[in-house]
C-alpha atoms as a PDB file:
ATOM      1  CA  MET A   1      -2.196   2.401 -18.232  1.00  0.00           C
ATOM      2  CA  THR A   2      -0.931  -0.108 -15.683  1.00  0.00           C
ATOM      3  CA  THR A   3      -2.996  -0.595 -12.537  1.00  0.00           C
ATOM      4  CA  THR A   4      -1.251  -1.708  -9.352  1.00  0.00           C
ATOM      5  CA  CYS A   5      -3.285  -2.702  -6.308  1.00  0.00           C
ATOM      6  CA  ILE A   6      -1.758  -2.772  -2.834  1.00  0.00           C
ATOM      7  CA  VAL A   7      -3.707  -5.261  -0.712  1.00  0.00           C
ATOM      8  CA  THR A   8      -3.032  -5.010   3.015  1.00  0.00           C
ATOM      9  CA  GLY A   9      -3.668  -8.208   4.947  1.00  0.00           C
ATOM     10  CA  GLY A  10      -3.681 -10.185   1.715  1.00  0.00           C
ATOM     11  CA  ALA A  11      -2.568 -13.395   3.420  1.00  0.00           C
ATOM     12  CA  GLY A  12      -5.605 -13.442   5.689  1.00  0.00           C
ATOM     13  CA  PHE A  13      -9.012 -14.978   5.053  1.00  0.00           C
ATOM     14  CA  ILE A  14     -10.812 -12.325   3.012  1.00  0.00           C
ATOM     15  CA  GLY A  15      -7.604 -10.757   1.716  1.00  0.00           C
ATOM     16  CA  SER A  16      -6.294 -13.976   0.186  1.00  0.00           C
ATOM     17  CA  ASN A  17      -9.658 -14.643  -1.444  1.00  0.00           C
ATOM     18  CA  PHE A  18      -9.533 -11.110  -2.864  1.00  0.00           C
ATOM     19  CA  VAL A  19      -6.042 -11.676  -4.282  1.00  0.00           C
ATOM     20  CA  HIS A  20      -7.143 -14.938  -5.937  1.00  0.00           C
ATOM     21  CA  MET A  21     -10.142 -13.125  -7.425  1.00  0.00           C
ATOM     22  CA  LEU A  22      -8.006 -10.274  -8.813  1.00  0.00           C
ATOM     23  CA  VAL A  23      -5.651 -12.741 -10.491  1.00  0.00           C
ATOM     24  CA  GLU A  24      -8.689 -14.343 -12.113  1.00  0.00           C
ATOM     25  CA  LEU A  25     -10.785 -11.287 -13.022  1.00  0.00           C
ATOM     26  CA  ARG A  26      -8.108  -8.603 -13.535  1.00  0.00           C
ATOM     27  CA  PRO A  27      -5.162 -10.621 -14.933  1.00  0.00           C
ATOM     28  CA  THR A  28      -3.291  -7.538 -16.193  1.00  0.00           C
ATOM     29  CA  TRP A  29      -3.294  -5.821 -12.796  1.00  0.00           C
ATOM     30  CA  LYS A  30      -0.198  -5.841 -10.624  1.00  0.00           C
ATOM     31  CA  ILE A  31      -0.732  -6.870  -7.002  1.00  0.00           C
ATOM     32  CA  VAL A  32       1.383  -5.979  -3.969  1.00  0.00           C
ATOM     33  CA  ASN A  33       0.406  -7.919  -0.845  1.00  0.00           C
ATOM     34  CA  LEU A  34       1.483  -6.260   2.419  1.00  0.00           C
ATOM     35  CA  ASP A  35       0.975  -8.613   5.355  1.00  0.00           C
ATOM     36  CA  ALA A  36       2.562  -8.910   8.793  1.00  0.00           C
ATOM     37  CA  LEU A  37       1.845 -12.673   8.917  1.00  0.00           C
ATOM     38  CA  THR A  38       0.407 -12.574  12.410  1.00  0.00           C
ATOM     39  CA  TYR A  39      -1.500 -15.598  13.734  1.00  0.00           C
ATOM     40  CA  ALA A  40      -4.269 -15.230  11.118  1.00  0.00           C
ATOM     41  CA  GLY A  41      -2.017 -14.415   8.156  1.00  0.00           C
ATOM     42  CA  ASN A  42      -1.055 -17.539   6.253  1.00  0.00           C
ATOM     43  CA  ARG A  43       1.134 -17.252   3.182  1.00  0.00           C
ATOM     44  CA  GLU A  44       0.238 -20.813   2.230  1.00  0.00           C
ATOM     45  CA  ASN A  45      -3.176 -19.402   1.258  1.00  0.00           C
ATOM     46  CA  LEU A  46      -1.464 -17.883  -1.780  1.00  0.00           C
ATOM     47  CA  THR A  47       0.907 -20.581  -3.016  1.00  0.00           C
ATOM     48  CA  ALA A  48      -1.052 -20.738  -6.288  1.00  0.00           C
ATOM     49  CA  VAL A  49      -0.198 -17.120  -7.152  1.00  0.00           C
ATOM     50  CA  GLU A  50       3.275 -16.671  -5.715  1.00  0.00           C
ATOM     51  CA  LYS A  51       5.042 -17.344  -9.022  1.00  0.00           C
ATOM     52  CA  ASN A  52       2.782 -14.984 -10.949  1.00  0.00           C
ATOM     53  CA  PRO A  53       4.993 -12.165 -12.347  1.00  0.00           C
ATOM     54  CA  ASN A  54       2.253  -9.650 -11.574  1.00  0.00           C
ATOM     55  CA  TYR A  55       2.285 -10.514  -7.870  1.00  0.00           C
ATOM     56  CA  SER A  56       4.661  -9.291  -5.168  1.00  0.00           C
ATOM     57  CA  PHE A  57       4.671 -10.065  -1.453  1.00  0.00           C
ATOM     58  CA  VAL A  58       5.968  -7.608   1.149  1.00  0.00           C
ATOM     59  CA  HIS A  59       6.338  -8.909   4.697  1.00  0.00           C
ATOM     60  CA  GLY A  60       5.440  -5.883   6.765  1.00  0.00           C
ATOM     61  CA  ASP A  61       3.250  -4.291   9.420  1.00  0.00           C
ATOM     62  CA  ILE A  62       0.926  -1.350   8.715  1.00  0.00           C
ATOM     63  CA  THR A  63       1.842   0.103  12.126  1.00  0.00           C
ATOM     64  CA  LYS A  64       5.423   0.569  10.904  1.00  0.00           C
ATOM     65  CA  PRO A  65       5.819   3.430   8.396  1.00  0.00           C
ATOM     66  CA  GLU A  66       8.994   1.896   6.970  1.00  0.00           C
ATOM     67  CA  ASP A  67       7.107  -1.300   6.105  1.00  0.00           C
ATOM     68  CA  VAL A  68       4.307   0.630   4.441  1.00  0.00           C
ATOM     69  CA  GLU A  69       6.948   2.472   2.389  1.00  0.00           C
ATOM     70  CA  LYS A  70       8.303  -0.883   1.195  1.00  0.00           C
ATOM     71  CA  ALA A  71       4.871  -1.742  -0.189  1.00  0.00           C
ATOM     72  CA  PHE A  72       4.626   1.552  -2.046  1.00  0.00           C
ATOM     73  CA  ALA A  73       8.159   1.045  -3.391  1.00  0.00           C
ATOM     74  CA  ALA A  74       7.084  -2.343  -4.745  1.00  0.00           C
ATOM     75  CA  ALA A  75       4.022  -0.726  -6.294  1.00  0.00           C
ATOM     76  CA  LYS A  76       6.165   1.992  -7.853  1.00  0.00           C
ATOM     77  CA  ALA A  77       8.394  -0.692  -9.393  1.00  0.00           C
ATOM     78  CA  PHE A  78       5.319  -2.140 -11.113  1.00  0.00           C
ATOM     79  CA  GLY A  79       4.287   1.351 -12.260  1.00  0.00           C
ATOM     80  CA  GLY A  80       0.946   2.893 -13.181  1.00  0.00           C
ATOM     81  CA  ASP A  81      -1.937   4.050 -11.023  1.00  0.00           C
ATOM     82  CA  VAL A  82      -1.867   2.752  -7.455  1.00  0.00           C
ATOM     83  CA  LEU A  83      -5.013   1.557  -5.671  1.00  0.00           C
ATOM     84  CA  VAL A  84      -5.191   0.381  -2.055  1.00  0.00           C
ATOM     85  CA  VAL A  85      -7.606  -2.154  -0.574  1.00  0.00           C
ATOM     86  CA  HIS A  86      -7.182  -2.193   3.185  1.00  0.00           C
ATOM     87  CA  PHE A  87      -8.060  -5.507   4.879  1.00  0.00           C
ATOM     88  CA  ALA A  88      -5.268  -5.658   7.476  1.00  0.00           C
ATOM     89  CA  ALA A  89      -6.809  -5.684  10.950  1.00  0.00           C
ATOM     90  CA  GLU A  90      -7.067  -7.459  14.242  1.00  0.00           C
ATOM     91  CA  SER A  91     -10.510  -8.953  13.790  1.00  0.00           C
ATOM     92  CA  HIS A  92     -11.522 -11.472  16.444  1.00  0.00           C
ATOM     93  CA  VAL A  93     -13.992 -10.154  19.011  1.00  0.00           C
ATOM     94  CA  ASP A  94     -13.024 -12.694  21.683  1.00  0.00           C
ATOM     95  CA  ARG A  95      -9.362 -11.683  21.480  1.00  0.00           C
ATOM     96  CA  SER A  96     -10.320  -8.004  21.787  1.00  0.00           C
ATOM     97  CA  ILE A  97     -12.146  -8.744  25.034  1.00  0.00           C
ATOM     98  CA  VAL A  98      -8.924 -10.168  26.471  1.00  0.00           C
ATOM     99  CA  SER A  99      -6.961  -7.070  25.398  1.00  0.00           C
ATOM    100  CA  GLY A 100      -8.047  -4.122  23.290  1.00  0.00           C
ATOM    101  CA  VAL A 101      -4.548  -2.645  22.888  1.00  0.00           C
ATOM    102  CA  PRO A 102      -3.486  -4.662  19.796  1.00  0.00           C
ATOM    103  CA  PHE A 103      -6.789  -3.724  18.160  1.00  0.00           C
ATOM    104  CA  VAL A 104      -6.315   0.005  18.719  1.00  0.00           C
ATOM    105  CA  THR A 105      -2.697  -0.217  17.590  1.00  0.00           C
ATOM    106  CA  THR A 106      -3.353  -2.083  14.348  1.00  0.00           C
ATOM    107  CA  ASN A 107      -6.833  -0.941  13.417  1.00  0.00           C
ATOM    108  CA  VAL A 108      -6.595   2.721  14.403  1.00  0.00           C
ATOM    109  CA  VAL A 109      -2.927   3.715  14.380  1.00  0.00           C
ATOM    110  CA  GLY A 110      -2.084   1.386  11.477  1.00  0.00           C
ATOM    111  CA  THR A 111      -4.927   2.761   9.366  1.00  0.00           C
ATOM    112  CA  GLN A 112      -3.753   6.346   9.945  1.00  0.00           C
ATOM    113  CA  ILE A 113      -0.192   5.451   8.954  1.00  0.00           C
ATOM    114  CA  LEU A 114      -1.511   3.795   5.795  1.00  0.00           C
ATOM    115  CA  LEU A 115      -3.720   6.779   4.982  1.00  0.00           C
ATOM    116  CA  ASP A 116      -0.814   9.197   5.383  1.00  0.00           C
ATOM    117  CA  ALA A 117       1.391   7.118   3.085  1.00  0.00           C
ATOM    118  CA  SER A 118      -1.397   6.691   0.545  1.00  0.00           C
ATOM    119  CA  ARG A 119      -1.966  10.444   0.329  1.00  0.00           C
ATOM    120  CA  ARG A 120       1.761  11.114   0.092  1.00  0.00           C
ATOM    121  CA  HIS A 121       2.118   8.687  -2.800  1.00  0.00           C
ATOM    122  CA  GLY A 122      -0.900   9.959  -4.734  1.00  0.00           C
ATOM    123  CA  THR A 123      -3.060   6.839  -4.411  1.00  0.00           C
ATOM    124  CA  LYS A 124      -5.922   6.964  -6.932  1.00  0.00           C
ATOM    125  CA  ARG A 125      -8.463   5.093  -4.814  1.00  0.00           C
ATOM    126  CA  PHE A 126      -8.476   3.666  -1.272  1.00  0.00           C
ATOM    127  CA  VAL A 127     -11.092   1.159  -0.087  1.00  0.00           C
ATOM    128  CA  HIS A 128     -11.290   0.603   3.645  1.00  0.00           C
ATOM    129  CA  VAL A 129     -12.865  -2.767   4.482  1.00  0.00           C
ATOM    130  CA  SER A 130     -14.865  -2.501   7.696  1.00  0.00           C
ATOM    131  CA  THR A 131     -17.656  -4.402   9.445  1.00  0.00           C
ATOM    132  CA  ASP A 132     -21.344  -4.148  10.292  1.00  0.00           C
ATOM    133  CA  GLU A 133     -20.351  -4.528  13.943  1.00  0.00           C
ATOM    134  CA  VAL A 134     -19.627  -0.791  14.098  1.00  0.00           C
ATOM    135  CA  TYR A 135     -23.414  -0.257  14.107  1.00  0.00           C
ATOM    136  CA  GLY A 136     -23.916  -2.179  17.352  1.00  0.00           C
ATOM    137  CA  SER A 137     -26.869  -4.499  17.836  1.00  0.00           C
ATOM    138  CA  LEU A 138     -30.353  -4.746  16.318  1.00  0.00           C
ATOM    139  CA  GLY A 139     -33.611  -5.870  17.841  1.00  0.00           C
ATOM    140  CA  GLU A 140     -35.838  -8.467  16.224  1.00  0.00           C
ATOM    141  CA  LYS A 141     -36.666  -6.147  13.320  1.00  0.00           C
ATOM    142  CA  GLY A 142     -34.880  -3.645  11.128  1.00  0.00           C
ATOM    143  CA  PHE A 143     -31.624  -3.514   9.169  1.00  0.00           C
ATOM    144  CA  PHE A 144     -28.350  -1.633   9.298  1.00  0.00           C
ATOM    145  CA  ARG A 145     -28.242   1.139   6.702  1.00  0.00           C
ATOM    146  CA  GLU A 146     -25.287   3.295   5.793  1.00  0.00           C
ATOM    147  CA  ASP A 147     -26.799   6.158   7.809  1.00  0.00           C
ATOM    148  CA  THR A 148     -27.350   4.018  10.923  1.00  0.00           C
ATOM    149  CA  PRO A 149     -25.506   5.716  13.832  1.00  0.00           C
ATOM    150  CA  LEU A 150     -22.281   4.020  14.915  1.00  0.00           C
ATOM    151  CA  ALA A 151     -22.684   2.286  18.286  1.00  0.00           C
ATOM    152  CA  PRO A 152     -19.907  -0.332  18.613  1.00  0.00           C
ATOM    153  CA  ASN A 153     -20.093  -2.625  21.622  1.00  0.00           C
ATOM    154  CA  SER A 154     -16.741  -4.453  21.695  1.00  0.00           C
ATOM    155  CA  PRO A 155     -13.114  -3.275  21.683  1.00  0.00           C
ATOM    156  CA  TYR A 156     -12.827  -4.795  18.190  1.00  0.00           C
ATOM    157  CA  SER A 157     -15.811  -2.979  16.700  1.00  0.00           C
ATOM    158  CA  SER A 158     -14.853   0.240  18.500  1.00  0.00           C
ATOM    159  CA  SER A 159     -11.405   0.137  16.915  1.00  0.00           C
ATOM    160  CA  LYS A 160     -12.965  -0.473  13.490  1.00  0.00           C
ATOM    161  CA  ALA A 161     -15.330   2.453  13.992  1.00  0.00           C
ATOM    162  CA  GLY A 162     -12.324   4.590  14.858  1.00  0.00           C
ATOM    163  CA  SER A 163     -10.560   3.576  11.661  1.00  0.00           C
ATOM    164  CA  ASP A 164     -13.729   4.269   9.638  1.00  0.00           C
ATOM    165  CA  LEU A 165     -13.809   7.804  11.024  1.00  0.00           C
ATOM    166  CA  LEU A 166     -10.158   8.370  10.150  1.00  0.00           C
ATOM    167  CA  VAL A 167     -10.903   7.407   6.550  1.00  0.00           C
ATOM    168  CA  ARG A 168     -13.887   9.757   6.568  1.00  0.00           C
ATOM    169  CA  ALA A 169     -11.659  12.520   7.922  1.00  0.00           C
ATOM    170  CA  ALA A 170      -9.099  11.972   5.161  1.00  0.00           C
ATOM    171  CA  VAL A 171     -11.841  12.388   2.562  1.00  0.00           C
ATOM    172  CA  HIS A 172     -13.312  15.529   4.069  1.00  0.00           C
ATOM    173  CA  THR A 173     -10.101  17.171   5.247  1.00  0.00           C
ATOM    174  CA  HIS A 174      -7.746  16.303   2.403  1.00  0.00           C
ATOM    175  CA  GLY A 175     -10.057  15.468  -0.501  1.00  0.00           C
ATOM    176  CA  PHE A 176      -8.714  11.916  -0.420  1.00  0.00           C
ATOM    177  CA  GLU A 177     -10.215   9.385  -2.841  1.00  0.00           C
ATOM    178  CA  ALA A 178     -11.578   6.767  -0.428  1.00  0.00           C
ATOM    179  CA  CYS A 179     -14.640   4.611   0.208  1.00  0.00           C
ATOM    180  CA  ILE A 180     -15.663   2.456   3.161  1.00  0.00           C
ATOM    181  CA  THR A 181     -17.342  -0.944   2.971  1.00  0.00           C
ATOM    182  CA  ARG A 182     -19.126  -2.615   5.892  1.00  0.00           C
ATOM    183  CA  CYS A 183     -19.877  -6.293   5.523  1.00  0.00           C
ATOM    184  CA  SER A 184     -21.805  -8.935   7.422  1.00  0.00           C
ATOM    185  CA  ASN A 185     -20.298 -12.231   8.645  1.00  0.00           C
ATOM    186  CA  ASN A 186     -18.119 -13.850   5.980  1.00  0.00           C
ATOM    187  CA  TYR A 187     -17.641 -17.565   5.394  1.00  0.00           C
ATOM    188  CA  GLY A 188     -15.752 -19.621   2.848  1.00  0.00           C
ATOM    189  CA  PRO A 189     -12.281 -21.047   2.080  1.00  0.00           C
ATOM    190  CA  TYR A 190      -9.138 -20.069   4.041  1.00  0.00           C
ATOM    191  CA  GLN A 191     -10.951 -18.765   7.139  1.00  0.00           C
ATOM    192  CA  PHE A 192      -8.896 -19.077  10.328  1.00  0.00           C
ATOM    193  CA  PRO A 193     -10.411 -21.958  12.316  1.00  0.00           C
ATOM    194  CA  GLU A 194     -11.015 -20.105  15.569  1.00  0.00           C
ATOM    195  CA  LYS A 195     -13.882 -18.376  13.745  1.00  0.00           C
ATOM    196  CA  PHE A 196     -17.371 -19.771  14.228  1.00  0.00           C
ATOM    197  CA  LEU A 197     -18.112 -21.655  11.003  1.00  0.00           C
ATOM    198  CA  PRO A 198     -14.724 -23.326  10.337  1.00  0.00           C
ATOM    199  CA  LEU A 199     -14.501 -24.213  14.029  1.00  0.00           C
ATOM    200  CA  MET A 200     -17.871 -25.959  13.773  1.00  0.00           C
ATOM    201  CA  ILE A 201     -16.876 -27.823  10.623  1.00  0.00           C
ATOM    202  CA  ALA A 202     -13.539 -28.937  12.061  1.00  0.00           C
ATOM    203  CA  ASN A 203     -14.961 -30.045  15.414  1.00  0.00           C
ATOM    204  CA  ALA A 204     -17.971 -31.811  13.944  1.00  0.00           C
ATOM    205  CA  SER A 205     -15.793 -33.647  11.416  1.00  0.00           C
ATOM    206  CA  GLU A 206     -13.780 -35.036  14.337  1.00  0.00           C
ATOM    207  CA  ASP A 207     -16.814 -35.710  16.559  1.00  0.00           C
ATOM    208  CA  LYS A 208     -15.670 -33.058  19.024  1.00  0.00           C
ATOM    209  CA  PRO A 209     -18.037 -30.814  21.010  1.00  0.00           C
ATOM    210  CA  ILE A 210     -19.270 -27.672  19.238  1.00  0.00           C
ATOM    211  CA  PRO A 211     -19.329 -24.692  21.631  1.00  0.00           C
ATOM    212  CA  VAL A 212     -22.338 -22.386  21.268  1.00  0.00           C
ATOM    213  CA  TYR A 213     -22.513 -19.133  23.207  1.00  0.00           C
ATOM    214  CA  GLY A 214     -25.505 -18.485  25.482  1.00  0.00           C
ATOM    215  CA  ASP A 215     -28.839 -19.664  24.104  1.00  0.00           C
ATOM    216  CA  GLY A 216     -27.542 -19.873  20.515  1.00  0.00           C
ATOM    217  CA  LEU A 217     -30.166 -17.413  19.274  1.00  0.00           C
ATOM    218  CA  TYR A 218     -27.738 -14.695  18.221  1.00  0.00           C
ATOM    219  CA  VAL A 219     -28.563 -13.799  14.615  1.00  0.00           C
ATOM    220  CA  ARG A 220     -26.025 -12.994  11.899  1.00  0.00           C
ATOM    221  CA  ASP A 221     -26.280 -12.276   8.182  1.00  0.00           C
ATOM    222  CA  TRP A 222     -23.935 -14.698   6.407  1.00  0.00           C
ATOM    223  CA  LEU A 223     -22.041 -13.528   3.304  1.00  0.00           C
ATOM    224  CA  PHE A 224     -20.007 -15.862   1.073  1.00  0.00           C
ATOM    225  CA  VAL A 225     -16.483 -14.511   0.777  1.00  0.00           C
ATOM    226  CA  ARG A 226     -16.451 -14.526  -3.031  1.00  0.00           C
ATOM    227  CA  ASP A 227     -19.565 -12.351  -3.083  1.00  0.00           C
ATOM    228  CA  HIS A 228     -17.871  -9.986  -0.639  1.00  0.00           C
ATOM    229  CA  CYS A 229     -14.728  -9.766  -2.778  1.00  0.00           C
ATOM    230  CA  GLU A 230     -16.740  -9.000  -5.902  1.00  0.00           C
ATOM    231  CA  ALA A 231     -18.553  -6.233  -4.025  1.00  0.00           C
ATOM    232  CA  ILE A 232     -15.265  -4.698  -2.898  1.00  0.00           C
ATOM    233  CA  LEU A 233     -13.996  -4.740  -6.487  1.00  0.00           C
ATOM    234  CA  ALA A 234     -17.167  -2.935  -7.595  1.00  0.00           C
ATOM    235  CA  VAL A 235     -16.577  -0.254  -4.938  1.00  0.00           C
ATOM    236  CA  LEU A 236     -12.906   0.020  -5.902  1.00  0.00           C
ATOM    237  CA  GLU A 237     -13.750   0.616  -9.549  1.00  0.00           C
ATOM    238  CA  LYS A 238     -17.093   2.422  -9.402  1.00  0.00           C
ATOM    239  CA  GLY A 239     -17.775   3.638  -5.860  1.00  0.00           C
ATOM    240  CA  ARG A 240     -18.371   7.310  -5.166  1.00  0.00           C
ATOM    241  CA  THR A 241     -15.669   9.071  -3.157  1.00  0.00           C
ATOM    242  CA  GLY A 242     -16.482   9.387   0.532  1.00  0.00           C
ATOM    243  CA  GLU A 243     -19.376   6.941   0.434  1.00  0.00           C
ATOM    244  CA  VAL A 244     -20.057   3.985   2.715  1.00  0.00           C
ATOM    245  CA  TYR A 245     -21.410   0.795   1.127  1.00  0.00           C
ATOM    246  CA  ASN A 246     -23.022  -1.963   3.187  1.00  0.00           C
ATOM    247  CA  ILE A 247     -22.445  -5.489   1.863  1.00  0.00           C
ATOM    248  CA  GLY A 248     -24.754  -8.280   3.009  1.00  0.00           C
ATOM    249  CA  GLY A 249     -25.644 -11.797   1.970  1.00  0.00           C
ATOM    250  CA  ASN A 250     -29.406 -11.785   2.654  1.00  0.00           C
ATOM    251  CA  ASN A 251     -28.865 -14.876   4.838  1.00  0.00           C
ATOM    252  CA  GLU A 252     -30.041 -14.184   8.375  1.00  0.00           C
ATOM    253  CA  LEU A 253     -29.602 -17.201  10.618  1.00  0.00           C
ATOM    254  CA  ALA A 254     -29.489 -17.810  14.342  1.00  0.00           C
ATOM    255  CA  ASN A 255     -26.234 -19.444  15.418  1.00  0.00           C
ATOM    256  CA  ILE A 256     -27.953 -22.592  16.626  1.00  0.00           C
ATOM    257  CA  VAL A 257     -29.769 -22.984  13.295  1.00  0.00           C
ATOM    258  CA  LEU A 258     -26.455 -22.724  11.454  1.00  0.00           C
ATOM    259  CA  VAL A 259     -24.864 -25.307  13.754  1.00  0.00           C
ATOM    260  CA  LYS A 260     -27.675 -27.756  13.099  1.00  0.00           C
ATOM    261  CA  ARG A 261     -27.383 -27.231   9.326  1.00  0.00           C
ATOM    262  CA  VAL A 262     -23.664 -27.973   9.438  1.00  0.00           C
ATOM    263  CA  LEU A 263     -24.265 -31.109  11.506  1.00  0.00           C
ATOM    264  CA  LYS A 264     -26.918 -32.251   9.039  1.00  0.00           C
ATOM    265  CA  GLU A 265     -24.578 -31.663   6.078  1.00  0.00           C
ATOM    266  CA  LEU A 266     -21.882 -33.716   7.804  1.00  0.00           C
ATOM    267  CA  GLY A 267     -24.243 -36.423   9.038  1.00  0.00           C
ATOM    268  CA  LYS A 268     -23.328 -35.746  12.660  1.00  0.00           C
ATOM    269  CA  PRO A 269     -25.600 -35.845  15.745  1.00  0.00           C
ATOM    270  CA  GLU A 270     -26.914 -32.721  17.454  1.00  0.00           C
ATOM    271  CA  SER A 271     -25.627 -34.185  20.717  1.00  0.00           C
ATOM    272  CA  LEU A 272     -22.250 -32.591  19.798  1.00  0.00           C
ATOM    273  CA  ILE A 273     -23.729 -29.164  20.597  1.00  0.00           C
ATOM    274  CA  THR A 274     -22.377 -27.797  23.884  1.00  0.00           C
ATOM    275  CA  TYR A 275     -23.774 -24.549  25.264  1.00  0.00           C
ATOM    276  CA  VAL A 276     -21.093 -22.401  26.917  1.00  0.00           C
ATOM    277  CA  LYS A 277     -21.085 -19.220  28.990  1.00  0.00           C
ATOM    278  CA  ASP A 278     -21.963 -16.197  26.882  1.00  0.00           C
ATOM    279  CA  ARG A 279     -19.236 -13.706  26.014  1.00  0.00           C
ATOM    280  CA  PRO A 280     -19.454 -10.162  27.462  1.00  0.00           C
ATOM    281  CA  GLY A 281     -21.346  -7.571  25.424  1.00  0.00           C
ATOM    282  CA  HIS A 282     -22.569 -10.095  22.851  1.00  0.00           C
ATOM    283  CA  ASP A 283     -24.617  -8.286  20.154  1.00  0.00           C
ATOM    284  CA  ARG A 284     -27.987  -9.968  19.634  1.00  0.00           C
ATOM    285  CA  ARG A 285     -28.631  -9.465  15.931  1.00  0.00           C
ATOM    286  CA  TYR A 286     -26.958  -8.070  12.824  1.00  0.00           C
ATOM    287  CA  ALA A 287     -28.752  -7.586   9.519  1.00  0.00           C
ATOM    288  CA  ILE A 288     -27.607  -5.596   6.489  1.00  0.00           C
ATOM    289  CA  ASP A 289     -29.572  -3.479   4.061  1.00  0.00           C
ATOM    290  CA  ALA A 290     -27.412  -3.722   0.918  1.00  0.00           C
ATOM    291  CA  GLY A 291     -29.825  -1.777  -1.276  1.00  0.00           C
ATOM    292  CA  LYS A 292     -27.396   1.102  -1.863  1.00  0.00           C
ATOM    293  CA  ILE A 293     -24.610  -0.949  -3.445  1.00  0.00           C
ATOM    294  CA  GLN A 294     -27.154  -2.899  -5.482  1.00  0.00           C
ATOM    295  CA  LYS A 295     -28.770   0.273  -6.820  1.00  0.00           C
ATOM    296  CA  GLU A 296     -25.629   2.339  -7.392  1.00  0.00           C
ATOM    297  CA  LEU A 297     -23.060  -0.243  -8.449  1.00  0.00           C
ATOM    298  CA  GLY A 298     -25.177  -3.141  -9.678  1.00  0.00           C
ATOM    299  CA  TRP A 299     -23.777  -5.650  -7.192  1.00  0.00           C
ATOM    300  CA  SER A 300     -25.845  -8.369  -5.550  1.00  0.00           C
ATOM    301  CA  PRO A 301     -24.759 -11.683  -4.029  1.00  0.00           C
ATOM    302  CA  ARG A 302     -24.498 -14.537  -6.538  1.00  0.00           C
ATOM    303  CA  PHE A 303     -24.206 -17.386  -4.025  1.00  0.00           C
ATOM    304  CA  THR A 304     -27.189 -18.561  -2.034  1.00  0.00           C
ATOM    305  CA  PHE A 305     -26.528 -20.076   1.364  1.00  0.00           C
ATOM    306  CA  ASP A 306     -27.877 -23.419   0.159  1.00  0.00           C
ATOM    307  CA  LEU A 307     -25.183 -23.430  -2.529  1.00  0.00           C
ATOM    308  CA  ALA A 308     -22.250 -21.866  -0.683  1.00  0.00           C
ATOM    309  CA  LEU A 309     -22.484 -23.680   2.656  1.00  0.00           C
ATOM    310  CA  PRO A 310     -21.942 -27.140   1.094  1.00  0.00           C
ATOM    311  CA  LEU A 311     -19.122 -25.668  -1.030  1.00  0.00           C
ATOM    312  CA  THR A 312     -17.477 -24.326   2.106  1.00  0.00           C
ATOM    313  CA  ILE A 313     -17.855 -27.586   4.006  1.00  0.00           C
ATOM    314  CA  ARG A 314     -16.409 -29.570   1.084  1.00  0.00           C
ATOM    315  CA  TRP A 315     -13.454 -27.187   0.848  1.00  0.00           C
ATOM    316  CA  TYR A 316     -12.516 -27.805   4.485  1.00  0.00           C
ATOM    317  CA  GLN A 317     -13.024 -31.549   4.062  1.00  0.00           C
ATOM    318  CA  THR A 318     -10.609 -31.605   1.106  1.00  0.00           C
ATOM    319  CA  GLN A 319      -8.074 -29.352   2.837  1.00  0.00           C
ATOM    320  CA  LYS A 320      -7.401 -31.411   5.934  1.00  0.00           C
ATOM    321  CA  GLU A 321      -3.646 -30.858   5.755  1.00  0.00           C
ATOM    322  CA  TRP A 322      -4.125 -27.081   5.514  1.00  0.00           C
ATOM    323  CA  LEU A 323      -6.555 -27.183   8.439  1.00  0.00           C
ATOM    324  CA  GLN A 324      -4.242 -29.292  10.578  1.00  0.00           C
ATOM    325  CA  ARG A 325      -1.271 -27.036   9.888  1.00  0.00           C
ATOM    326  CA  VAL A 326      -3.281 -23.945  10.810  1.00  0.00           C
ATOM    327  CA  ARG A 327      -4.684 -25.476  13.981  1.00  0.00           C
ATOM    328  CA  SER A 328      -1.272 -26.727  15.088  1.00  0.00           C
ATOM    329  CA  GLY A 329       0.518 -23.485  14.227  1.00  0.00           C
ATOM    330  CA  ALA A 330       2.830 -25.262  11.765  1.00  0.00           C
ATOM    331  CA  TYR A 331       1.716 -22.954   8.958  1.00  0.00           C
ATOM    332  CA  ARG A 332       3.796 -20.185  10.548  1.00  0.00           C
ATOM    333  CA  GLU A 333       6.955 -22.146   9.767  1.00  0.00           C
ATOM    334  CA  TYR A 334       6.222 -21.920   6.035  1.00  0.00           C
ATOM    335  CA  TYR A 335       7.419 -18.368   5.506  1.00  0.00           C
ATOM    336  CA  ALA A 336      10.644 -18.857   7.460  1.00  0.00           C
ATOM    337  CA  ARG A 337      11.374 -22.142   5.705  1.00  0.00           C
ATOM    338  CA  GLN A 338      10.616 -20.912   2.208  1.00  0.00           C
ATOM    339  CA  TYR A 339      11.933 -17.396   2.429  1.00  0.00           C
ATOM    340  CA  GLY A 340      14.375 -17.326   5.315  1.00  0.00           C
ATOM    341  CA  ALA A 341      12.532 -14.598   7.199  1.00  0.00           C
END
């Protein structure tokens, strides 16, 4: 039986890594990538797979039902069972503080439109990719568990919590085959450079100041993107319907510690660190208890931070043209030039 996987947001950071992984680990699967190519969606991330006969790209927005239908039509053309992995989202906290409307529109309304279409088309399994930020903030001790109450503190995390609840409702109201994953902070290749780690790498490489919010003691659990993608695949194939699975990297670090490690790796001085005014509602600490997915599905992270951080830094150092095109906005010309859209 043919398996066709619709990946929403597959031209983004985690989505493109997931597509690359599927091509490698599930070479017989068909893949339909539905992406609106907003500022963080970069089709150049997927040039290595675009000529693969099992891969199809649909330029579309999950907030537009007609675009979602195009993706399902492409999946139907491939045939077989249809799975959906839903990455597409507005995801940058700082942008949500400026305006929450795009986050509600894409993350809440778009998710409902996708759920409705998925049920209508008889999707066999739907995995909704969420974030640990829906749990709010931790003190110095403790970990987020799947039964931790939702307490989002930013417009971004609130919109993700809303979309999580819509997926839950589809399971309980309609008997829909869906799971939810909530991950910690991802890092790795293809991450949009306004995010913390690639911004640090890019600025430090050019001897530019590295902005650090507040006192720099905000703690995050860092998860290598390949580990995250492998966890999502495990949930897609083996997860129990209606369950939430936390995905963490077991790498708790304060922001300032991470900055200093990057500077050390690059041989740059700590004098590049520039403390800036804290952002509103900044959560103090995130930490994931990933015991459930490890026990039930046999997943655990393969990449230690000591291994994956140098890999990530080297990737950005060898992809200077990609980085420059993303930072300048030139990457957005690629789709129009190549495909006339």
